[in-house]
Amino acid sequence: MVHVVGREGFFRADFRRSPVFRPDGMISGVVICYELAWPMMVLQTHARNPDRILFTSNLWWAGDTRLQILFRLHADAWSRIFGVPCIVSINS
């Protein structure tokens, strides 16, 4: 389970239901880690017309590899394709 901090506190994102939630009154889509590489997961998120997409990942295990760069490039590409801003969060 993922908890996102907003101005009013924590927002629980239940990924078994909808890939979007509304912190701060904006519709935010969430894509977690390897879902970024699966087009259907990103398309499912975008189908809900989010105002922004949050891309989160835990890449601490990747060490000095280029996975963080690849993750950021993919997130930026999806953001440009759909015309919505993205927020990238990587735990390295």
PDB file of N, CA and C in Angstrom:
ATOM      1  N   MET A   1       0.837  -1.174   0.000  1.00  0.00           N
ATOM      2  CA  MET A   1       0.000   0.000   0.000  1.00  0.00           C
ATOM      3  C   MET A   1       0.883   1.239   0.000  1.00  0.00           C
ATOM      4  N   VAL A   2       0.540   2.220  -0.783  1.00  0.00           N
ATOM      5  CA  VAL A   2       1.311   3.454  -0.890  1.00  0.00           C
ATOM      6  C   VAL A   2       0.533   4.585  -0.249  1.00  0.00           C
ATOM      7  N   HIS A   3       1.220   5.412   0.505  1.00  0.00           N
ATOM      8  CA  HIS A   3       0.614   6.605   1.096  1.00  0.00           C
ATOM      9  C   HIS A   3       1.346   7.820   0.549  1.00  0.00           C
ATOM     10  N   VAL A   4       0.594   8.762   0.026  1.00  0.00           N
ATOM     11  CA  VAL A   4       1.167   9.970  -0.543  1.00  0.00           C
ATOM     12  C   VAL A   4       0.814  11.131   0.373  1.00  0.00           C
ATOM     13  N   VAL A   5       1.788  11.987   0.655  1.00  0.00           N
ATOM     14  CA  VAL A   5       1.561  13.116   1.552  1.00  0.00           C
ATOM     15  C   VAL A   5       1.083  14.312   0.745  1.00  0.00           C
ATOM     16  N   GLY A   6       0.001  14.917   1.181  1.00  0.00           N
ATOM     17  CA  GLY A   6      -0.515  16.135   0.587  1.00  0.00           C
ATOM     18  C   GLY A   6      -0.665  17.189   1.670  1.00  0.00           C
ATOM     19  N   ARG A   7      -1.221  18.322   1.324  1.00  0.00           N
ATOM     20  CA  ARG A   7      -1.382  19.393   2.313  1.00  0.00           C
ATOM     21  C   ARG A   7      -2.286  18.980   3.465  1.00  0.00           C
ATOM     22  N   GLU A   8      -3.265  18.159   3.182  1.00  0.00           N
ATOM     23  CA  GLU A   8      -4.211  17.748   4.223  1.00  0.00           C
ATOM     24  C   GLU A   8      -3.797  16.457   4.909  1.00  0.00           C
ATOM     25  N   GLY A   9      -2.619  15.963   4.652  1.00  0.00           N
ATOM     26  CA  GLY A   9      -2.165  14.734   5.302  1.00  0.00           C
ATOM     27  C   GLY A   9      -1.905  13.645   4.283  1.00  0.00           C
ATOM     28  N   PHE A  10      -2.089  12.403   4.715  1.00  0.00           N
ATOM     29  CA  PHE A  10      -1.812  11.249   3.855  1.00  0.00           C
ATOM     30  C   PHE A  10      -3.032  10.880   3.021  1.00  0.00           C
ATOM     31  N   PHE A  11      -2.782  10.426   1.798  1.00  0.00           N
ATOM     32  CA  PHE A  11      -3.827   9.939   0.920  1.00  0.00           C
ATOM     33  C   PHE A  11      -3.520   8.493   0.611  1.00  0.00           C
ATOM     34  N   ARG A  12      -4.457   7.630   0.838  1.00  0.00           N
ATOM     35  CA  ARG A  12      -4.252   6.213   0.583  1.00  0.00           C
ATOM     36  C   ARG A  12      -4.589   5.908  -0.871  1.00  0.00           C
ATOM     37  N   ALA A  13      -3.670   5.302  -1.564  1.00  0.00           N
ATOM     38  CA  ALA A  13      -3.893   4.919  -2.955  1.00  0.00           C
ATOM     39  C   ALA A  13      -4.163   3.418  -2.997  1.00  0.00           C
ATOM     40  N   ASP A  14      -5.363   3.040  -3.395  1.00  0.00           N
ATOM     41  CA  ASP A  14      -5.744   1.628  -3.456  1.00  0.00           C
ATOM     42  C   ASP A  14      -5.646   1.170  -4.901  1.00  0.00           C
ATOM     43  N   PHE A  15      -4.560   0.490  -5.230  1.00  0.00           N
ATOM     44  CA  PHE A  15      -4.283   0.152  -6.612  1.00  0.00           C
ATOM     45  C   PHE A  15      -5.047  -1.054  -7.126  1.00  0.00           C
ATOM     46  N   ARG A  16      -5.861  -1.671  -6.283  1.00  0.00           N
ATOM     47  CA  ARG A  16      -6.705  -2.763  -6.767  1.00  0.00           C
ATOM     48  C   ARG A  16      -7.943  -2.204  -7.457  1.00  0.00           C
ATOM     49  N   ARG A  17      -8.220  -0.947  -7.256  1.00  0.00           N
ATOM     50  CA  ARG A  17      -9.417  -0.339  -7.836  1.00  0.00           C
ATOM     51  C   ARG A  17      -9.057   0.630  -8.965  1.00  0.00           C
ATOM     52  N   SER A  18      -8.728   1.844  -8.624  1.00  0.00           N
ATOM     53  CA  SER A  18      -8.474   2.874  -9.621  1.00  0.00           C
ATOM     54  C   SER A  18      -7.039   3.369  -9.495  1.00  0.00           C
ATOM     55  N   PRO A  19      -6.372   3.612 -10.617  1.00  0.00           N
ATOM     56  CA  PRO A  19      -4.992   4.096 -10.558  1.00  0.00           C
ATOM     57  C   PRO A  19      -4.888   5.606 -10.339  1.00  0.00           C
ATOM     58  N   VAL A  20      -5.986   6.265  -9.960  1.00  0.00           N
ATOM     59  CA  VAL A  20      -5.947   7.704  -9.726  1.00  0.00           C
ATOM     60  C   VAL A  20      -6.516   8.046  -8.349  1.00  0.00           C
ATOM     61  N   PHE A  21      -6.102   9.185  -7.825  1.00  0.00           N
ATOM     62  CA  PHE A  21      -6.664   9.719  -6.588  1.00  0.00           C
ATOM     63  C   PHE A  21      -6.577  11.236  -6.663  1.00  0.00           C
ATOM     64  N   ARG A  22      -7.127  11.947  -5.676  1.00  0.00           N
ATOM     65  CA  ARG A  22      -7.234  13.399  -5.746  1.00  0.00           C
ATOM     66  C   ARG A  22      -6.592  14.119  -4.556  1.00  0.00           C
ATOM     67  N   PRO A  23      -5.282  14.151  -4.475  1.00  0.00           N
ATOM     68  CA  PRO A  23      -4.686  14.995  -3.438  1.00  0.00           C
ATOM     69  C   PRO A  23      -4.719  16.448  -3.888  1.00  0.00           C
ATOM     70  N   ASP A  24      -4.969  17.355  -2.995  1.00  0.00           N
ATOM     71  CA  ASP A  24      -4.961  18.786  -3.314  1.00  0.00           C
ATOM     72  C   ASP A  24      -5.935  19.157  -4.429  1.00  0.00           C
ATOM     73  N   GLY A  25      -6.998  18.379  -4.623  1.00  0.00           N
ATOM     74  CA  GLY A  25      -8.019  18.701  -5.608  1.00  0.00           C
ATOM     75  C   GLY A  25      -7.659  18.400  -7.053  1.00  0.00           C
ATOM     76  N   MET A  26      -6.482  17.859  -7.314  1.00  0.00           N
ATOM     77  CA  MET A  26      -6.074  17.504  -8.673  1.00  0.00           C
ATOM     78  C   MET A  26      -6.158  15.995  -8.853  1.00  0.00           C
ATOM     79  N   ILE A  27      -6.544  15.564 -10.047  1.00  0.00           N
ATOM     80  CA  ILE A  27      -6.580  14.134 -10.338  1.00  0.00           C
ATOM     81  C   ILE A  27      -5.150  13.691 -10.629  1.00  0.00           C
ATOM     82  N   SER A  28      -4.662  12.758  -9.829  1.00  0.00           N
ATOM     83  CA  SER A  28      -3.285  12.280  -9.981  1.00  0.00           C
ATOM     84  C   SER A  28      -3.280  10.803 -10.308  1.00  0.00           C
ATOM     85  N   GLY A  29      -2.654  10.452 -11.407  1.00  0.00           N
ATOM     86  CA  GLY A  29      -2.469   9.052 -11.760  1.00  0.00           C
ATOM     87  C   GLY A  29      -1.162   8.561 -11.164  1.00  0.00           C
ATOM     88  N   VAL A  30      -1.121   7.293 -10.801  1.00  0.00           N
ATOM     89  CA  VAL A  30       0.087   6.736 -10.184  1.00  0.00           C
ATOM     90  C   VAL A  30       0.564   5.531 -10.984  1.00  0.00           C
ATOM     91  N   VAL A  31       1.855   5.527 -11.300  1.00  0.00           N
ATOM     92  CA  VAL A  31       2.495   4.401 -11.967  1.00  0.00           C
ATOM     93  C   VAL A  31       3.680   4.001 -11.088  1.00  0.00           C
ATOM     94  N   ILE A  32       3.701   2.752 -10.663  1.00  0.00           N
ATOM     95  CA  ILE A  32       4.722   2.298  -9.728  1.00  0.00           C
ATOM     96  C   ILE A  32       5.754   1.426 -10.426  1.00  0.00           C
ATOM     97  N   CYS A  33       6.998   1.787 -10.271  1.00  0.00           N
ATOM     98  CA  CYS A  33       8.169   1.013 -10.649  1.00  0.00           C
ATOM     99  C   CYS A  33       8.077   0.422 -12.058  1.00  0.00           C
ATOM    100  N   TYR A  34       8.074  -0.890 -12.177  1.00  0.00           N
ATOM    101  CA  TYR A  34       8.139  -1.552 -13.477  1.00  0.00           C
ATOM    102  C   TYR A  34       6.875  -1.360 -14.309  1.00  0.00           C
ATOM    103  N   GLU A  35       5.769  -0.875 -13.710  1.00  0.00           N
ATOM    104  CA  GLU A  35       4.564  -0.599 -14.492  1.00  0.00           C
ATOM    105  C   GLU A  35       4.854   0.412 -15.596  1.00  0.00           C
ATOM    106  N   LEU A  36       5.865   1.217 -15.388  1.00  0.00           N
ATOM    107  CA  LEU A  36       6.277   2.220 -16.366  1.00  0.00           C
ATOM    108  C   LEU A  36       6.594   1.594 -17.721  1.00  0.00           C
ATOM    109  N   ALA A  37       7.108   0.373 -17.706  1.00  0.00           N
ATOM    110  CA  ALA A  37       7.492  -0.305 -18.938  1.00  0.00           C
ATOM    111  C   ALA A  37       6.341  -1.093 -19.569  1.00  0.00           C
ATOM    112  N   TRP A  38       5.204  -1.155 -18.902  1.00  0.00           N
ATOM    113  CA  TRP A  38       4.044  -1.885 -19.417  1.00  0.00           C
ATOM    114  C   TRP A  38       3.031  -0.880 -19.956  1.00  0.00           C
ATOM    115  N   PRO A  39       2.909  -0.752 -21.258  1.00  0.00           N
ATOM    116  CA  PRO A  39       1.995   0.241 -21.828  1.00  0.00           C
ATOM    117  C   PRO A  39       0.563   0.158 -21.301  1.00  0.00           C
ATOM    118  N   MET A  40       0.049  -1.036 -21.068  1.00  0.00           N
ATOM    119  CA  MET A  40      -1.344  -1.147 -20.601  1.00  0.00           C
ATOM    120  C   MET A  40      -1.538  -0.506 -19.228  1.00  0.00           C
ATOM    121  N   MET A  41      -0.547  -0.581 -18.362  1.00  0.00           N
ATOM    122  CA  MET A  41      -0.670   0.029 -17.042  1.00  0.00           C
ATOM    123  C   MET A  41      -0.718   1.555 -17.161  1.00  0.00           C
ATOM    124  N   VAL A  42       0.130   2.110 -18.018  1.00  0.00           N
ATOM    125  CA  VAL A  42       0.148   3.556 -18.201  1.00  0.00           C
ATOM    126  C   VAL A  42      -1.122   4.006 -18.927  1.00  0.00           C
ATOM    127  N   LEU A  43      -1.562   3.244 -19.913  1.00  0.00           N
ATOM    128  CA  LEU A  43      -2.799   3.584 -20.629  1.00  0.00           C
ATOM    129  C   LEU A  43      -4.008   3.536 -19.700  1.00  0.00           C
ATOM    130  N   GLN A  44      -4.048   2.562 -18.809  1.00  0.00           N
ATOM    131  CA  GLN A  44      -5.148   2.469 -17.836  1.00  0.00           C
ATOM    132  C   GLN A  44      -5.164   3.709 -16.950  1.00  0.00           C
ATOM    133  N   THR A  45      -3.999   4.159 -16.548  1.00  0.00           N
ATOM    134  CA  THR A  45      -3.916   5.366 -15.727  1.00  0.00           C
ATOM    135  C   THR A  45      -4.356   6.585 -16.526  1.00  0.00           C
ATOM    136  N   HIS A  46      -3.875   6.712 -17.743  1.00  0.00           N
ATOM    137  CA  HIS A  46      -4.217   7.876 -18.562  1.00  0.00           C
ATOM    138  C   HIS A  46      -5.697   7.884 -18.954  1.00  0.00           C
ATOM    139  N   ALA A  47      -6.325   6.739 -19.043  1.00  0.00           N
ATOM    140  CA  ALA A  47      -7.742   6.669 -19.412  1.00  0.00           C
ATOM    141  C   ALA A  47      -8.633   7.404 -18.414  1.00  0.00           C
ATOM    142  N   ARG A  48      -8.133   7.641 -17.212  1.00  0.00           N
ATOM    143  CA  ARG A  48      -8.898   8.361 -16.178  1.00  0.00           C
ATOM    144  C   ARG A  48      -8.681   9.870 -16.255  1.00  0.00           C
ATOM    145  N   ASN A  49      -7.998  10.353 -17.297  1.00  0.00           N
ATOM    146  CA  ASN A  49      -7.745  11.779 -17.527  1.00  0.00           C
ATOM    147  C   ASN A  49      -7.114  12.487 -16.332  1.00  0.00           C
ATOM    148  N   PRO A  50      -5.955  12.037 -15.894  1.00  0.00           N
ATOM    149  CA  PRO A  50      -5.319  12.697 -14.749  1.00  0.00           C
ATOM    150  C   PRO A  50      -4.757  14.073 -15.114  1.00  0.00           C
ATOM    151  N   ASP A  51      -4.668  14.942 -14.116  1.00  0.00           N
ATOM    152  CA  ASP A  51      -4.044  16.252 -14.293  1.00  0.00           C
ATOM    153  C   ASP A  51      -2.524  16.138 -14.262  1.00  0.00           C
ATOM    154  N   ARG A  52      -2.037  15.074 -13.636  1.00  0.00           N
ATOM    155  CA  ARG A  52      -0.602  14.803 -13.543  1.00  0.00           C
ATOM    156  C   ARG A  52      -0.420  13.317 -13.283  1.00  0.00           C
ATOM    157  N   ILE A  53       0.784  12.824 -13.555  1.00  0.00           N
ATOM    158  CA  ILE A  53       1.076  11.413 -13.293  1.00  0.00           C
ATOM    159  C   ILE A  53       2.279  11.335 -12.366  1.00  0.00           C
ATOM    160  N   LEU A  54       2.146  10.547 -11.322  1.00  0.00           N
ATOM    161  CA  LEU A  54       3.227  10.328 -10.373  1.00  0.00           C
ATOM    162  C   LEU A  54       3.905   9.015 -10.719  1.00  0.00           C
ATOM    163  N   PHE A  55       5.186   9.066 -11.003  1.00  0.00           N
ATOM    164  CA  PHE A  55       5.976   7.872 -11.285  1.00  0.00           C
ATOM    165  C   PHE A  55       6.870   7.620 -10.078  1.00  0.00           C
ATOM    166  N   THR A  56       6.672   6.497  -9.409  1.00  0.00           N
ATOM    167  CA  THR A  56       7.455   6.186  -8.216  1.00  0.00           C
ATOM    168  C   THR A  56       8.222   4.886  -8.416  1.00  0.00           C
ATOM    169  N   SER A  57       9.404   4.829  -7.808  1.00  0.00           N
ATOM    170  CA  SER A  57      10.199   3.622  -7.926  1.00  0.00           C
ATOM    171  C   SER A  57      11.157   3.500  -6.750  1.00  0.00           C
ATOM    172  N   ASN A  58      11.529   2.278  -6.466  1.00  0.00           N
ATOM    173  CA  ASN A  58      12.493   1.980  -5.422  1.00  0.00           C
ATOM    174  C   ASN A  58      13.689   1.319  -6.091  1.00  0.00           C
ATOM    175  N   LEU A  59      14.660   2.128  -6.496  1.00  0.00           N
ATOM    176  CA  LEU A  59      15.791   1.612  -7.249  1.00  0.00           C
ATOM    177  C   LEU A  59      17.078   1.568  -6.424  1.00  0.00           C
ATOM    178  N   TRP A  60      16.969   1.518  -5.124  1.00  0.00           N
ATOM    179  CA  TRP A  60      18.180   1.486  -4.291  1.00  0.00           C
ATOM    180  C   TRP A  60      19.030   0.265  -4.615  1.00  0.00           C
ATOM    181  N   TRP A  61      18.389  -0.818  -5.013  1.00  0.00           N
ATOM    182  CA  TRP A  61      19.101  -2.060  -5.302  1.00  0.00           C
ATOM    183  C   TRP A  61      19.883  -1.985  -6.608  1.00  0.00           C
ATOM    184  N   ALA A  62      19.561  -0.998  -7.451  1.00  0.00           N
ATOM    185  CA  ALA A  62      20.191  -0.913  -8.766  1.00  0.00           C
ATOM    186  C   ALA A  62      21.616  -0.359  -8.702  1.00  0.00           C
ATOM    187  N   GLY A  63      21.977   0.228  -7.569  1.00  0.00           N
ATOM    188  CA  GLY A  63      23.340   0.716  -7.399  1.00  0.00           C
ATOM    189  C   GLY A  63      23.737   1.742  -8.435  1.00  0.00           C
ATOM    190  N   ASP A  64      24.881   1.537  -9.055  1.00  0.00           N
ATOM    191  CA  ASP A  64      25.420   2.489 -10.020  1.00  0.00           C
ATOM    192  C   ASP A  64      25.029   2.178 -11.465  1.00  0.00           C
ATOM    193  N   THR A  65      23.959   1.443 -11.653  1.00  0.00           N
ATOM    194  CA  THR A  65      23.510   1.141 -13.013  1.00  0.00           C
ATOM    195  C   THR A  65      22.794   2.354 -13.599  1.00  0.00           C
ATOM    196  N   ARG A  66      22.369   2.220 -14.821  1.00  0.00           N
ATOM    197  CA  ARG A  66      21.681   3.320 -15.497  1.00  0.00           C
ATOM    198  C   ARG A  66      20.160   3.211 -15.405  1.00  0.00           C
ATOM    199  N   LEU A  67      19.655   2.383 -14.525  1.00  0.00           N
ATOM    200  CA  LEU A  67      18.208   2.208 -14.418  1.00  0.00           C
ATOM    201  C   LEU A  67      17.487   3.487 -14.024  1.00  0.00           C
ATOM    202  N   GLN A  68      18.093   4.299 -13.145  1.00  0.00           N
ATOM    203  CA  GLN A  68      17.441   5.549 -12.760  1.00  0.00           C
ATOM    204  C   GLN A  68      17.294   6.486 -13.948  1.00  0.00           C
ATOM    205  N   ILE A  69      18.321   6.544 -14.783  1.00  0.00           N
ATOM    206  CA  ILE A  69      18.253   7.386 -15.978  1.00  0.00           C
ATOM    207  C   ILE A  69      17.169   6.871 -16.917  1.00  0.00           C
ATOM    208  N   LEU A  70      17.134   5.564 -17.125  1.00  0.00           N
ATOM    209  CA  LEU A  70      16.124   4.956 -17.986  1.00  0.00           C
ATOM    210  C   LEU A  70      14.719   5.214 -17.448  1.00  0.00           C
ATOM    211  N   PHE A  71      14.542   5.083 -16.139  1.00  0.00           N
ATOM    212  CA  PHE A  71      13.243   5.340 -15.510  1.00  0.00           C
ATOM    213  C   PHE A  71      12.793   6.781 -15.776  1.00  0.00           C
ATOM    214  N   ARG A  72      13.685   7.728 -15.568  1.00  0.00           N
ATOM    215  CA  ARG A  72      13.346   9.146 -15.790  1.00  0.00           C
ATOM    216  C   ARG A  72      13.035   9.423 -17.261  1.00  0.00           C
ATOM    217  N   LEU A  73      13.787   8.813 -18.179  1.00  0.00           N
ATOM    218  CA  LEU A  73      13.521   9.003 -19.605  1.00  0.00           C
ATOM    219  C   LEU A  73      12.148   8.460 -19.996  1.00  0.00           C
ATOM    220  N   HIS A  74      11.794   7.288 -19.491  1.00  0.00           N
ATOM    221  CA  HIS A  74      10.475   6.720 -19.776  1.00  0.00           C
ATOM    222  C   HIS A  74       9.367   7.594 -19.202  1.00  0.00           C
ATOM    223  N   ALA A  75       9.533   8.053 -17.975  1.00  0.00           N
ATOM    224  CA  ALA A  75       8.517   8.907 -17.354  1.00  0.00           C
ATOM    225  C   ALA A  75       8.330  10.183 -18.165  1.00  0.00           C
ATOM    226  N   ASP A  76       9.421  10.788 -18.590  1.00  0.00           N
ATOM    227  CA  ASP A  76       9.344  12.006 -19.396  1.00  0.00           C
ATOM    228  C   ASP A  76       8.655  11.736 -20.731  1.00  0.00           C
ATOM    229  N   ALA A  77       8.956  10.592 -21.344  1.00  0.00           N
ATOM    230  CA  ALA A  77       8.331  10.244 -22.629  1.00  0.00           C
ATOM    231  C   ALA A  77       6.821  10.078 -22.477  1.00  0.00           C
ATOM    232  N   TRP A  78       6.368   9.351 -21.447  1.00  0.00           N
ATOM    233  CA  TRP A  78       4.927   9.187 -21.231  1.00  0.00           C
ATOM    234  C   TRP A  78       4.271  10.533 -20.967  1.00  0.00           C
ATOM    235  N   SER A  79       4.938  11.388 -20.228  1.00  0.00           N
ATOM    236  CA  SER A  79       4.398  12.711 -19.939  1.00  0.00           C
ATOM    237  C   SER A  79       4.203  13.517 -21.226  1.00  0.00           C
ATOM    238  N   ARG A  80       5.186  13.477 -22.101  1.00  0.00           N
ATOM    239  CA  ARG A  80       5.088  14.202 -23.369  1.00  0.00           C
ATOM    240  C   ARG A  80       4.034  13.596 -24.290  1.00  0.00           C
ATOM    241  N   ILE A  81       3.936  12.272 -24.318  1.00  0.00           N
ATOM    242  CA  ILE A  81       2.949  11.606 -25.174  1.00  0.00           C
ATOM    243  C   ILE A  81       1.532  12.027 -24.800  1.00  0.00           C
ATOM    244  N   PHE A  82       1.238  12.074 -23.495  1.00  0.00           N
ATOM    245  CA  PHE A  82      -0.112  12.379 -23.036  1.00  0.00           C
ATOM    246  C   PHE A  82      -0.338  13.853 -22.752  1.00  0.00           C
ATOM    247  N   GLY A  83       0.719  14.645 -22.773  1.00  0.00           N
ATOM    248  CA  GLY A  83       0.568  16.079 -22.550  1.00  0.00           C
ATOM    249  C   GLY A  83       0.186  16.439 -21.127  1.00  0.00           C
ATOM    250  N   VAL A  84       0.627  15.660 -20.166  1.00  0.00           N
ATOM    251  CA  VAL A  84       0.365  15.981 -18.757  1.00  0.00           C
ATOM    252  C   VAL A  84       1.697  16.035 -18.012  1.00  0.00           C
ATOM    253  N   PRO A  85       1.788  16.894 -17.008  1.00  0.00           N
ATOM    254  CA  PRO A  85       3.043  16.950 -16.254  1.00  0.00           C
ATOM    255  C   PRO A  85       3.250  15.686 -15.441  1.00  0.00           C
ATOM    256  N   CYS A  86       4.509  15.378 -15.168  1.00  0.00           N
ATOM    257  CA  CYS A  86       4.809  14.201 -14.357  1.00  0.00           C
ATOM    258  C   CYS A  86       5.657  14.596 -13.161  1.00  0.00           C
ATOM    259  N   ILE A  87       5.523  13.822 -12.122  1.00  0.00           N
ATOM    260  CA  ILE A  87       6.355  13.950 -10.922  1.00  0.00           C
ATOM    261  C   ILE A  87       7.053  12.623 -10.767  1.00  0.00           C
ATOM    262  N   VAL A  88       8.382  12.648 -10.684  1.00  0.00           N
ATOM    263  CA  VAL A  88       9.169  11.429 -10.563  1.00  0.00           C
ATOM    264  C   VAL A  88       9.746  11.357  -9.158  1.00  0.00           C
ATOM    265  N   SER A  89       9.553  10.218  -8.518  1.00  0.00           N
ATOM    266  CA  SER A  89      10.104   9.988  -7.181  1.00  0.00           C
ATOM    267  C   SER A  89      10.837   8.658  -7.189  1.00  0.00           C
ATOM    268  N   ILE A  90      12.151   8.711  -6.923  1.00  0.00           N
ATOM    269  CA  ILE A  90      12.960   7.498  -6.917  1.00  0.00           C
ATOM    270  C   ILE A  90      13.676   7.376  -5.574  1.00  0.00           C
ATOM    271  N   ASN A  91      13.473   6.268  -4.916  1.00  0.00           N
ATOM    272  CA  ASN A  91      14.185   5.972  -3.686  1.00  0.00           C
ATOM    273  C   ASN A  91      15.486   5.291  -4.084  1.00  0.00           C
ATOM    274  N   SER A  92      16.560   6.040  -4.043  1.00  0.00           N
ATOM    275  CA  SER A  92      17.838   5.469  -4.441  1.00  0.00           C
ATOM    276  C   SER A  92      18.733   5.411  -3.241  1.00  0.00           C
TER     277      SER A  92
END
